[in-house]
Amino acid sequence: MYDIIIVGAGPAGLTAALYARRANKSVLVLEQSTFGGQVTFSPQIENYPGFVTMSGNEFIDKLVDQVIEQGAEIDLKTVTGIKDNGDTKTVVTTRGEFEAKAVILATGVKHRETGLAAEERLVGHGVSYCAVCDGAFYKNKIVAVLGGGNSALQEAVLLSELAEKVYILQDLDFLTGEAKLVEKINAKDNVEVFTGCLLSDITGEEAVTGVEITFKADSSKKIIPVDGLFVAIGLIPDNDKFASVTDLDEYGYFNSDENCLTRTPGVFVAGDCRKKRIRQITTASADGAVAALAACRYID
């Protein structure tokens, strides 16, 4: 029987573990794949307080070491659901069940990927999913943004202030973002929009050198030389398995506010997996602290 089980070992989950251990609670962190989540895609982080620069992997390595030093247990297991027993919860995994007085769901999100073979190889070497995180590395360079919704247009606006040239690649025949964002894009001299096209390849062996697009109207192809590709075609939460103990919004995110509470006493949420406007390392860590302290109060 653990005091708190945390599902997810990204910044939110690991921060929650740190705060829970400092409150002298026994903690088990369960992660299904890789420690760190989306932050590991960032080759360099320059917007985390107290650090001039570090890679995503360096940040997570330090956080994991800190959590283990505080006495938390970390295990690689895939969680498939939660049973509410009233005063206790059962966390079900593909390799056994675990009991806890409280559970914190910090399951994060994953960026929707292109599915191209070159994408996985070039992540961190020209393929990025966050202009806030990585845009500064493309100052005076040429980049492409894949997507035409609000997120993609916001990325493009930010990148236009840094890069020499920004290409927007949209599969539909029009941009689907808000009118104000479209107006901003149209007013940018260094932004060029290609609509009605599909991303058919990413060129480059060691780093991105270009993107190949295929126009849907006539299947013609065009290769655009770029130094970087920002993929902004949506985020995907993976919360359906916890719908028995939480409420989800229309997009599948945990429907919880800054208090990180759910409809089930003893179950809390933290980080990018919950409904929120800003998804950054700092906001995920803040959620982890809030959820952990709330869980500790619940147990006490």
Protein backbone atom coordinates (compact mmCIF):
# COMPACT_ATOMS: atom_id res chain seq x y z
CA MET A 1 0.00 0.00 0.00
CA TYR A 2 1.50 3.30 -1.14
CA ASP A 3 0.35 6.70 0.01
CA ILE A 4 0.43 8.08 -3.54
CA ILE A 5 0.82 6.48 -6.94
CA ILE A 6 1.70 8.83 -9.79
CA VAL A 7 0.98 7.81 -13.38
CA GLY A 8 3.48 9.49 -15.68
CA ALA A 9 7.13 10.49 -15.28
CA GLY A 10 7.22 13.82 -17.07
CA PRO A 11 7.84 17.18 -15.36
CA ALA A 12 4.37 17.15 -13.73
CA GLY A 13 4.58 13.61 -12.38
CA LEU A 14 8.17 13.90 -11.16
CA THR A 15 7.52 17.25 -9.48
CA ALA A 16 4.51 15.70 -7.77
CA ALA A 17 6.72 12.85 -6.55
CA LEU A 18 9.26 15.31 -5.19
CA TYR A 19 6.65 17.27 -3.22
CA ALA A 20 4.94 14.12 -1.95
CA ARG A 21 8.21 12.65 -0.68
CA ARG A 22 9.11 15.88 1.07
CA ALA A 23 5.77 15.54 2.85
CA ASN A 24 6.97 12.09 3.96
CA LYS A 25 4.50 10.16 1.83
CA SER A 26 5.43 6.83 0.22
CA VAL A 27 5.41 7.29 -3.56
CA LEU A 28 5.41 5.03 -6.61
CA VAL A 29 5.81 6.58 -10.07
CA LEU A 30 4.65 4.45 -13.00
CA GLU A 31 5.77 5.27 -16.55
CA GLN A 32 4.92 3.24 -19.63
CA SER A 33 7.83 4.20 -21.89
CA THR A 34 10.35 7.01 -21.49
CA PHE A 35 10.98 9.35 -18.57
CA GLY A 36 10.38 12.97 -19.49
CA GLY A 37 7.62 12.87 -22.05
CA GLN A 38 7.55 15.69 -24.62
CA VAL A 39 10.40 17.61 -22.99
CA THR A 40 12.88 15.03 -24.25
CA PHE A 41 12.21 16.28 -27.80
CA SER A 42 13.82 19.63 -26.95
CA PRO A 43 17.55 19.62 -27.69
CA GLN A 44 17.95 22.85 -25.73
CA ILE A 45 15.82 24.52 -23.05
CA GLU A 46 16.42 28.21 -22.37
CA ASN A 47 13.14 29.25 -20.73
CA TYR A 48 13.23 27.30 -17.47
CA PRO A 49 13.96 29.54 -14.46
CA GLY A 50 17.42 29.15 -12.98
CA PHE A 51 19.10 27.56 -16.01
CA VAL A 52 20.65 29.50 -18.86
CA THR A 53 20.52 26.46 -21.11
CA MET A 54 20.16 22.69 -20.89
CA SER A 55 18.78 19.89 -23.02
CA GLY A 56 15.48 18.21 -22.29
CA ASN A 57 17.29 14.99 -21.43
CA GLU A 58 19.62 16.80 -19.01
CA PHE A 59 16.64 18.37 -17.27
CA ILE A 60 14.83 15.07 -16.86
CA ASP A 61 17.97 13.20 -15.76
CA LYS A 62 18.46 15.73 -12.95
CA LEU A 63 14.80 15.55 -11.95
CA VAL A 64 14.76 11.73 -11.91
CA ASP A 65 17.95 11.68 -9.78
CA GLN A 66 16.40 14.21 -7.40
CA VAL A 67 13.19 12.20 -7.02
CA ILE A 68 15.04 8.93 -6.44
CA GLU A 69 17.33 10.64 -3.92
CA GLN A 70 14.21 11.72 -2.03
CA GLY A 71 13.13 8.08 -1.80
CA ALA A 72 10.44 7.70 -4.46
CA GLU A 73 10.13 4.42 -6.36
CA ILE A 74 9.98 4.53 -10.16
CA ASP A 75 8.89 1.60 -12.30
CA LEU A 76 8.25 1.07 -16.02
CA LYS A 77 4.74 -0.31 -16.34
CA THR A 78 1.78 0.48 -18.58
CA VAL A 79 -1.27 1.58 -16.60
CA THR A 80 -4.58 0.39 -18.07
CA GLY A 81 -7.06 1.75 -15.53
CA ILE A 82 -8.00 2.67 -11.96
CA LYS A 83 -10.48 1.06 -9.59
CA ASP A 84 -12.07 3.28 -6.96
CA ASN A 85 -12.38 1.37 -3.69
CA GLY A 86 -13.47 4.37 -1.66
CA ASP A 87 -10.64 5.13 0.77
CA THR A 88 -8.13 3.37 -1.49
CA LYS A 89 -7.50 3.08 -5.22
CA THR A 90 -6.24 0.16 -7.28
CA VAL A 91 -3.98 1.08 -10.18
CA VAL A 92 -4.20 -1.65 -12.82
CA THR A 93 -1.21 -2.27 -15.11
CA THR A 94 -0.34 -4.84 -17.73
CA ARG A 95 1.90 -6.45 -15.13
CA GLY A 96 -0.05 -6.47 -11.89
CA GLU A 97 -2.06 -4.19 -9.63
CA PHE A 98 -0.92 -1.63 -7.06
CA GLU A 99 -2.78 -0.08 -4.12
CA ALA A 100 -2.66 3.54 -2.98
CA LYS A 101 -4.53 5.99 -0.81
CA ALA A 102 -4.40 8.60 -3.60
CA VAL A 103 -3.52 8.70 -7.31
CA ILE A 104 -2.15 11.54 -9.42
CA LEU A 105 -2.64 11.23 -13.17
CA ALA A 106 0.14 13.05 -14.99
CA THR A 107 -0.20 11.23 -18.29
CA GLY A 108 0.82 14.15 -20.50
CA VAL A 109 0.06 14.34 -24.20
CA LYS A 110 1.85 13.45 -27.36
CA HIS A 111 2.13 15.58 -30.46
CA ARG A 112 0.31 14.25 -33.47
CA GLU A 113 3.05 13.05 -35.80
CA THR A 114 3.31 13.04 -39.58
CA GLY A 115 3.93 9.31 -39.78
CA LEU A 116 6.82 9.78 -42.22
CA ALA A 117 9.84 7.52 -41.76
CA ALA A 118 12.25 10.48 -41.63
CA GLU A 119 10.38 12.20 -38.81
CA GLU A 120 11.55 9.98 -35.95
CA ARG A 121 15.15 10.07 -37.16
CA LEU A 122 15.24 13.86 -37.41
CA VAL A 123 13.47 14.83 -34.17
CA GLY A 124 15.86 17.19 -32.43
CA HIS A 125 17.81 17.60 -35.67
CA GLY A 126 15.48 19.97 -37.46
CA VAL A 127 12.10 18.44 -36.65
CA SER A 128 10.43 20.18 -33.71
CA TYR A 129 6.99 20.41 -32.14
CA CYS A 130 7.34 23.66 -30.18
CA ALA A 131 8.34 27.08 -31.49
CA VAL A 132 8.39 28.54 -27.97
CA CYS A 133 10.92 25.88 -27.00
CA ASP A 134 13.09 25.74 -30.11
CA GLY A 135 12.32 28.78 -32.25
CA ALA A 136 15.40 30.73 -31.15
CA PHE A 137 17.65 28.11 -32.77
CA TYR A 138 16.33 29.15 -36.19
CA LYS A 139 17.14 32.84 -36.06
CA ASN A 140 17.79 34.09 -39.61
CA LYS A 141 17.14 30.60 -41.00
CA ILE A 142 14.37 29.11 -43.14
CA VAL A 143 11.64 27.00 -41.54
CA ALA A 144 8.35 25.34 -42.42
CA VAL A 145 5.29 24.95 -40.22
CA LEU A 146 2.99 22.00 -40.90
CA GLY A 147 -0.65 22.80 -40.11
CA GLY A 148 -3.20 25.54 -40.63
CA GLY A 149 -5.07 25.78 -37.33
CA ASN A 150 -4.60 28.17 -34.42
CA SER A 151 -1.57 26.35 -33.01
CA ALA A 152 0.22 26.29 -36.35
CA LEU A 153 -0.48 29.95 -37.06
CA GLN A 154 0.67 30.98 -33.59
CA GLU A 155 3.89 29.03 -34.19
CA ALA A 156 4.31 30.74 -37.55
CA VAL A 157 3.77 34.23 -36.11
CA LEU A 158 6.39 33.60 -33.43
CA LEU A 159 8.84 32.11 -35.92
CA SER A 160 8.35 35.02 -38.34
CA GLU A 161 9.97 37.30 -35.77
CA LEU A 162 13.06 35.11 -35.73
CA ALA A 163 13.47 33.30 -39.01
CA GLU A 164 14.40 34.73 -42.38
CA LYS A 165 11.54 32.89 -44.06
CA VAL A 166 8.56 30.84 -42.85
CA TYR A 167 6.52 28.48 -45.02
CA ILE A 168 3.09 27.29 -43.84
CA LEU A 169 1.98 23.93 -45.25
CA GLN A 170 -1.75 23.24 -45.01
CA ASP A 171 -3.56 20.19 -46.40
CA LEU A 172 -6.88 22.01 -46.80
CA ASP A 173 -7.48 24.75 -49.35
CA PHE A 174 -7.67 27.40 -46.64
CA LEU A 175 -6.25 28.19 -43.20
CA THR A 176 -8.55 27.08 -40.39
CA GLY A 177 -7.18 29.36 -37.67
CA GLU A 178 -8.96 32.40 -36.25
CA ALA A 179 -9.47 35.36 -38.57
CA LYS A 180 -7.17 37.58 -36.48
CA LEU A 181 -4.34 35.06 -36.80
CA VAL A 182 -4.90 34.72 -40.54
CA GLU A 183 -4.72 38.52 -40.82
CA LYS A 184 -1.40 38.53 -38.96
CA ILE A 185 -0.04 35.84 -41.25
CA ASN A 186 -1.14 37.68 -44.38
CA ALA A 187 0.55 40.85 -43.13
CA LYS A 188 3.93 39.11 -42.75
CA ASP A 189 6.30 39.71 -45.68
CA ASN A 190 8.44 36.71 -44.77
CA VAL A 191 5.61 34.17 -44.50
CA GLU A 192 4.44 32.17 -47.52
CA VAL A 193 1.44 29.85 -47.40
CA PHE A 194 0.95 26.68 -49.43
CA THR A 195 -2.58 25.25 -49.19
CA GLY A 196 -4.05 22.07 -50.60
CA CYS A 197 -0.81 20.19 -50.14
CA LEU A 198 0.40 17.16 -48.22
CA LEU A 199 3.79 16.72 -46.60
CA SER A 200 5.15 13.72 -48.51
CA ASP A 201 8.75 13.63 -47.26
CA ILE A 202 11.38 15.29 -45.08
CA THR A 203 14.80 15.44 -46.67
CA GLY A 204 18.16 15.21 -44.93
CA GLU A 205 20.17 12.43 -43.32
CA GLU A 206 21.80 14.01 -40.25
CA ALA A 207 19.63 17.14 -40.18
CA VAL A 208 16.63 18.55 -42.01
CA THR A 209 17.51 20.06 -45.38
CA GLY A 210 14.07 20.40 -46.91
CA VAL A 211 10.47 19.28 -47.16
CA GLU A 212 8.68 17.68 -50.09
CA ILE A 213 5.03 18.58 -50.59
CA THR A 214 2.49 17.02 -52.93
CA PHE A 215 -0.35 19.17 -54.22
CA LYS A 216 -3.68 17.37 -53.93
CA ALA A 217 -5.18 18.95 -57.07
CA ASP A 218 -2.76 17.46 -59.58
CA SER A 219 -0.34 15.27 -57.51
CA SER A 220 2.57 17.50 -58.53
CA LYS A 221 5.47 17.67 -56.09
CA LYS A 222 7.67 20.49 -54.85
CA ILE A 223 10.79 20.39 -52.66
CA ILE A 224 11.31 23.43 -50.44
CA PRO A 225 14.77 23.87 -48.86
CA VAL A 226 14.38 24.54 -45.13
CA ASP A 227 16.54 24.29 -42.01
CA GLY A 228 13.71 23.17 -39.75
CA LEU A 229 10.19 21.77 -39.72
CA PHE A 230 7.71 22.59 -36.95
CA VAL A 231 4.91 20.03 -36.80
CA ALA A 232 1.72 21.64 -35.43
CA ILE A 233 -1.12 19.32 -36.39
CA GLY A 234 -2.51 18.79 -32.92
CA LEU A 235 -1.92 17.12 -29.56
CA ILE A 236 -3.31 13.78 -28.47
CA PRO A 237 -4.18 12.98 -24.83
CA ASP A 238 -4.55 9.35 -23.78
CA ASN A 239 -7.09 9.62 -20.98
CA ASP A 240 -9.98 7.40 -22.06
CA LYS A 241 -8.83 4.56 -19.81
CA PHE A 242 -9.46 6.80 -16.77
CA ALA A 243 -12.97 7.95 -17.75
CA SER A 244 -14.50 5.84 -14.96
CA VAL A 245 -12.96 8.11 -12.30
CA THR A 246 -12.58 11.44 -14.13
CA ASP A 247 -14.49 13.75 -16.46
CA LEU A 248 -13.06 14.41 -19.92
CA ASP A 249 -13.72 17.43 -22.11
CA GLU A 250 -14.67 17.21 -25.78
CA TYR A 251 -11.02 16.84 -26.78
CA GLY A 252 -10.22 14.07 -24.31
CA TYR A 253 -8.39 16.20 -21.73
CA PHE A 254 -9.11 15.85 -18.02
CA ASN A 255 -11.78 18.44 -17.26
CA SER A 256 -10.04 19.95 -14.24
CA ASP A 257 -8.99 23.48 -13.29
CA GLU A 258 -5.91 24.85 -11.52
CA ASN A 259 -6.85 22.93 -8.37
CA CYS A 260 -6.10 19.66 -10.20
CA LEU A 261 -9.15 17.92 -8.68
CA THR A 262 -11.42 15.31 -10.27
CA ARG A 263 -14.92 14.11 -9.45
CA THR A 264 -13.42 11.16 -7.56
CA PRO A 265 -12.01 11.99 -4.11
CA GLY A 266 -8.41 10.84 -3.95
CA VAL A 267 -7.77 11.10 -7.71
CA PHE A 268 -5.93 14.17 -8.97
CA VAL A 269 -4.55 15.29 -12.35
CA ALA A 270 -1.52 17.35 -13.30
CA GLY A 271 0.24 18.70 -16.36
CA ASP A 272 -0.50 18.77 -20.05
CA CYS A 273 -3.13 16.02 -19.76
CA ARG A 274 -5.63 18.40 -18.19
CA LYS A 275 -7.64 21.18 -19.81
CA LYS A 276 -5.48 24.32 -19.90
CA ARG A 277 -4.37 27.18 -22.13
CA ILE A 278 -0.60 27.05 -21.66
CA ARG A 279 1.41 23.82 -21.88
CA GLN A 280 5.01 24.42 -20.86
CA ILE A 281 7.51 22.76 -18.48
CA THR A 282 6.89 25.45 -15.88
CA THR A 283 3.10 25.01 -15.93
CA ALA A 284 3.42 21.21 -15.76
CA SER A 285 5.76 21.44 -12.77
CA ALA A 286 3.36 23.88 -11.09
CA ASP A 287 0.51 21.42 -11.56
CA GLY A 288 2.65 18.66 -10.05
CA ALA A 289 3.21 20.68 -6.89
CA VAL A 290 -0.49 21.62 -6.61
CA ALA A 291 -1.69 18.04 -7.15
CA ALA A 292 0.82 16.56 -4.71
CA LEU A 293 -0.07 18.98 -1.93
CA ALA A 294 -3.77 18.37 -2.57
CA ALA A 295 -3.19 14.60 -2.38
CA CYS A 296 -1.26 14.97 0.86
CA ARG A 297 -4.09 17.03 2.40
CA TYR A 298 -6.59 14.40 1.24
CA ILE A 299 -4.60 11.59 2.89
CA ASP A 300 -4.02 13.51 6.11
